[in-house]
């Protein structure tokens, strides 16, 4: 499972984060970023590849770390 972080900006200010998971890399993350941008009227959405960090939290409530910025 691939984890991505979408970071939305308005007027240069971070206004939101969204975590999305895909089973394989492809156009899906770009389409999701475009939809996220339109729905929230962001000026810019940055995409980061991330991975879950091992914790004692239930799946989906754990911590993640950014691996690299994609866009």
N, C-alpha and C. Protein backbone atom coordinates (compact mmCIF):
# COMPACT_ATOMS: atom_id res chain seq x y z
N UNK A 1 0.85 -1.18 0.00
CA UNK A 1 0.00 0.00 0.00
C UNK A 1 0.89 1.24 0.00
N UNK A 2 0.63 2.16 -0.89
CA UNK A 2 1.39 3.41 -0.98
C UNK A 2 0.62 4.52 -0.28
N UNK A 3 1.31 5.30 0.51
CA UNK A 3 0.70 6.40 1.26
C UNK A 3 1.19 7.72 0.69
N UNK A 4 0.24 8.64 0.49
CA UNK A 4 0.56 9.97 0.00
C UNK A 4 -0.09 11.00 0.92
N UNK A 5 0.58 12.14 1.07
CA UNK A 5 0.06 13.26 1.83
C UNK A 5 -0.22 14.38 0.84
N UNK A 6 -1.44 14.90 0.86
CA UNK A 6 -1.81 16.05 0.04
C UNK A 6 -1.87 17.26 0.97
N UNK A 7 -1.16 18.30 0.62
CA UNK A 7 -1.08 19.50 1.45
C UNK A 7 -1.64 20.68 0.64
N UNK A 8 -2.75 21.24 1.11
CA UNK A 8 -3.42 22.32 0.39
C UNK A 8 -3.05 23.69 0.90
N UNK A 9 -2.87 24.63 -0.04
CA UNK A 9 -2.47 26.00 0.29
C UNK A 9 -3.44 27.02 -0.31
N UNK A 10 -3.73 28.07 0.48
CA UNK A 10 -4.46 29.24 0.01
C UNK A 10 -3.63 30.45 0.38
N UNK A 11 -3.34 31.29 -0.60
CA UNK A 11 -2.54 32.50 -0.37
C UNK A 11 -1.21 32.19 0.32
N UNK A 12 -0.58 31.09 -0.07
CA UNK A 12 0.72 30.72 0.47
C UNK A 12 0.69 30.12 1.87
N UNK A 13 -0.51 29.92 2.43
CA UNK A 13 -0.65 29.40 3.79
C UNK A 13 -1.23 27.99 3.75
N UNK A 14 -0.64 27.09 4.54
CA UNK A 14 -1.14 25.72 4.62
C UNK A 14 -2.53 25.73 5.23
N UNK A 15 -3.50 25.22 4.48
CA UNK A 15 -4.88 25.21 4.95
C UNK A 15 -5.45 23.82 5.15
N UNK A 16 -4.68 22.78 4.83
CA UNK A 16 -5.24 21.45 5.03
C UNK A 16 -4.32 20.33 4.61
N UNK A 17 -4.52 19.17 5.24
CA UNK A 17 -3.78 17.95 4.91
C UNK A 17 -4.77 16.82 4.68
N UNK A 18 -4.42 15.94 3.78
CA UNK A 18 -5.24 14.76 3.53
C UNK A 18 -4.30 13.59 3.25
N UNK A 19 -4.55 12.46 3.89
CA UNK A 19 -3.79 11.25 3.63
C UNK A 19 -4.59 10.37 2.69
N UNK A 20 -3.93 9.85 1.66
CA UNK A 20 -4.59 8.93 0.72
C UNK A 20 -3.68 7.72 0.50
N UNK A 21 -4.31 6.56 0.34
CA UNK A 21 -3.56 5.33 0.11
C UNK A 21 -4.00 4.71 -1.21
N UNK A 22 -3.04 4.15 -1.93
CA UNK A 22 -3.29 3.46 -3.18
C UNK A 22 -2.53 2.14 -3.18
N UNK A 23 -3.04 1.16 -3.91
CA UNK A 23 -2.35 -0.13 -3.97
C UNK A 23 -1.19 -0.09 -4.95
N UNK A 24 -1.20 0.85 -5.91
CA UNK A 24 -0.09 1.00 -6.84
C UNK A 24 0.01 2.45 -7.26
N UNK A 25 1.20 2.86 -7.65
CA UNK A 25 1.42 4.25 -8.10
C UNK A 25 0.84 4.41 -9.50
N UNK A 26 0.20 5.51 -9.74
CA UNK A 26 -0.39 5.76 -11.04
C UNK A 26 -1.03 7.13 -11.05
N UNK A 27 -1.97 7.31 -11.97
CA UNK A 27 -2.64 8.60 -12.11
C UNK A 27 -3.58 8.91 -10.95
N UNK A 28 -3.93 7.91 -10.17
CA UNK A 28 -4.89 8.09 -9.09
C UNK A 28 -4.55 9.20 -8.12
N UNK A 29 -3.30 9.30 -7.74
CA UNK A 29 -2.92 10.33 -6.77
C UNK A 29 -3.02 11.72 -7.39
N UNK A 30 -2.71 11.85 -8.66
CA UNK A 30 -2.83 13.15 -9.35
C UNK A 30 -4.30 13.55 -9.44
N UNK A 31 -5.15 12.59 -9.80
CA UNK A 31 -6.59 12.86 -9.88
C UNK A 31 -7.16 13.23 -8.52
N UNK A 32 -6.73 12.53 -7.48
CA UNK A 32 -7.19 12.84 -6.12
C UNK A 32 -6.73 14.22 -5.69
N UNK A 33 -5.50 14.60 -6.02
CA UNK A 33 -4.98 15.93 -5.69
C UNK A 33 -5.77 17.02 -6.42
N UNK A 34 -6.10 16.78 -7.68
CA UNK A 34 -6.89 17.75 -8.45
C UNK A 34 -8.28 17.92 -7.85
N UNK A 35 -8.90 16.82 -7.46
CA UNK A 35 -10.23 16.86 -6.84
C UNK A 35 -10.16 17.58 -5.49
N UNK A 36 -9.14 17.28 -4.69
CA UNK A 36 -8.95 17.91 -3.38
C UNK A 36 -8.77 19.43 -3.55
N UNK A 37 -8.00 19.82 -4.55
CA UNK A 37 -7.77 21.24 -4.83
C UNK A 37 -9.07 21.95 -5.21
N UNK A 38 -9.84 21.33 -6.11
CA UNK A 38 -11.10 21.94 -6.57
C UNK A 38 -12.14 22.02 -5.45
N UNK A 39 -12.31 20.93 -4.70
CA UNK A 39 -13.32 20.89 -3.64
C UNK A 39 -13.06 21.91 -2.55
N UNK A 40 -11.80 22.20 -2.27
CA UNK A 40 -11.44 23.11 -1.18
C UNK A 40 -10.99 24.48 -1.66
N UNK A 41 -11.02 24.69 -2.98
CA UNK A 41 -10.63 25.97 -3.59
C UNK A 41 -9.21 26.39 -3.19
N UNK A 42 -8.30 25.41 -3.16
CA UNK A 42 -6.91 25.69 -2.86
C UNK A 42 -6.23 26.30 -4.08
N UNK A 43 -5.23 27.16 -3.85
CA UNK A 43 -4.41 27.71 -4.93
C UNK A 43 -3.41 26.67 -5.41
N UNK A 44 -2.95 25.83 -4.47
CA UNK A 44 -1.90 24.86 -4.76
C UNK A 44 -2.09 23.64 -3.87
N UNK A 45 -1.78 22.47 -4.42
CA UNK A 45 -1.75 21.24 -3.62
C UNK A 45 -0.41 20.57 -3.88
N UNK A 46 0.32 20.32 -2.82
CA UNK A 46 1.60 19.61 -2.92
C UNK A 46 1.37 18.15 -2.58
N UNK A 47 2.08 17.28 -3.27
CA UNK A 47 1.95 15.84 -3.06
C UNK A 47 3.27 15.31 -2.51
N UNK A 48 3.17 14.54 -1.44
CA UNK A 48 4.34 13.92 -0.83
C UNK A 48 4.13 12.42 -0.74
N UNK A 49 5.18 11.67 -1.02
CA UNK A 49 5.15 10.23 -0.76
C UNK A 49 5.50 10.05 0.71
N UNK A 50 4.79 9.17 1.39
CA UNK A 50 5.02 8.97 2.82
C UNK A 50 4.96 7.48 3.16
N UNK A 51 5.26 7.18 4.39
CA UNK A 51 5.12 5.80 4.86
C UNK A 51 4.70 5.82 6.32
N UNK A 52 3.95 4.79 6.70
CA UNK A 52 3.52 4.66 8.08
C UNK A 52 4.72 4.32 8.95
N UNK A 53 4.73 4.84 10.15
CA UNK A 53 5.77 4.55 11.12
C UNK A 53 5.18 3.57 12.13
N UNK A 54 5.94 2.58 12.50
CA UNK A 54 5.48 1.55 13.45
C UNK A 54 5.14 2.19 14.79
N UNK A 55 3.89 2.02 15.24
CA UNK A 55 3.45 2.52 16.55
C UNK A 55 2.52 1.49 17.17
N UNK A 56 2.04 1.79 18.36
CA UNK A 56 1.06 0.93 19.02
C UNK A 56 -0.36 1.39 18.72
N UNK A 57 -0.50 2.42 17.90
CA UNK A 57 -1.82 2.94 17.55
C UNK A 57 -2.50 2.02 16.54
N UNK A 58 -3.85 2.02 16.51
CA UNK A 58 -4.56 1.23 15.50
C UNK A 58 -4.22 1.74 14.10
N UNK A 59 -4.37 0.88 13.11
CA UNK A 59 -4.11 1.27 11.72
C UNK A 59 -4.95 2.49 11.37
N UNK A 60 -4.34 3.46 10.72
CA UNK A 60 -5.03 4.69 10.34
C UNK A 60 -4.91 5.79 11.37
N UNK A 61 -4.46 5.45 12.57
CA UNK A 61 -4.30 6.45 13.62
C UNK A 61 -2.84 6.62 14.02
N UNK A 62 -1.97 5.96 13.29
CA UNK A 62 -0.55 6.01 13.59
C UNK A 62 0.11 7.26 13.05
N UNK A 63 1.40 7.24 13.08
CA UNK A 63 2.18 8.35 12.58
C UNK A 63 2.75 7.98 11.22
N UNK A 64 3.07 9.01 10.45
CA UNK A 64 3.68 8.79 9.15
C UNK A 64 4.89 9.70 9.03
N UNK A 65 5.77 9.36 8.09
CA UNK A 65 6.89 10.26 7.81
C UNK A 65 6.94 10.49 6.31
N UNK A 66 7.30 11.71 5.95
CA UNK A 66 7.42 12.11 4.55
C UNK A 66 8.71 11.52 4.00
N UNK A 67 8.62 10.87 2.85
CA UNK A 67 9.81 10.32 2.19
C UNK A 67 10.36 11.32 1.18
N UNK A 68 9.46 11.84 0.32
CA UNK A 68 9.91 12.82 -0.67
C UNK A 68 8.71 13.59 -1.22
N UNK A 69 8.98 14.79 -1.72
CA UNK A 69 7.95 15.59 -2.36
C UNK A 69 7.87 15.18 -3.82
N UNK A 70 6.64 14.97 -4.30
CA UNK A 70 6.42 14.57 -5.68
C UNK A 70 6.09 15.78 -6.54
N UNK A 71 5.25 16.66 -6.01
CA UNK A 71 4.92 17.88 -6.77
C UNK A 71 4.68 19.03 -5.82
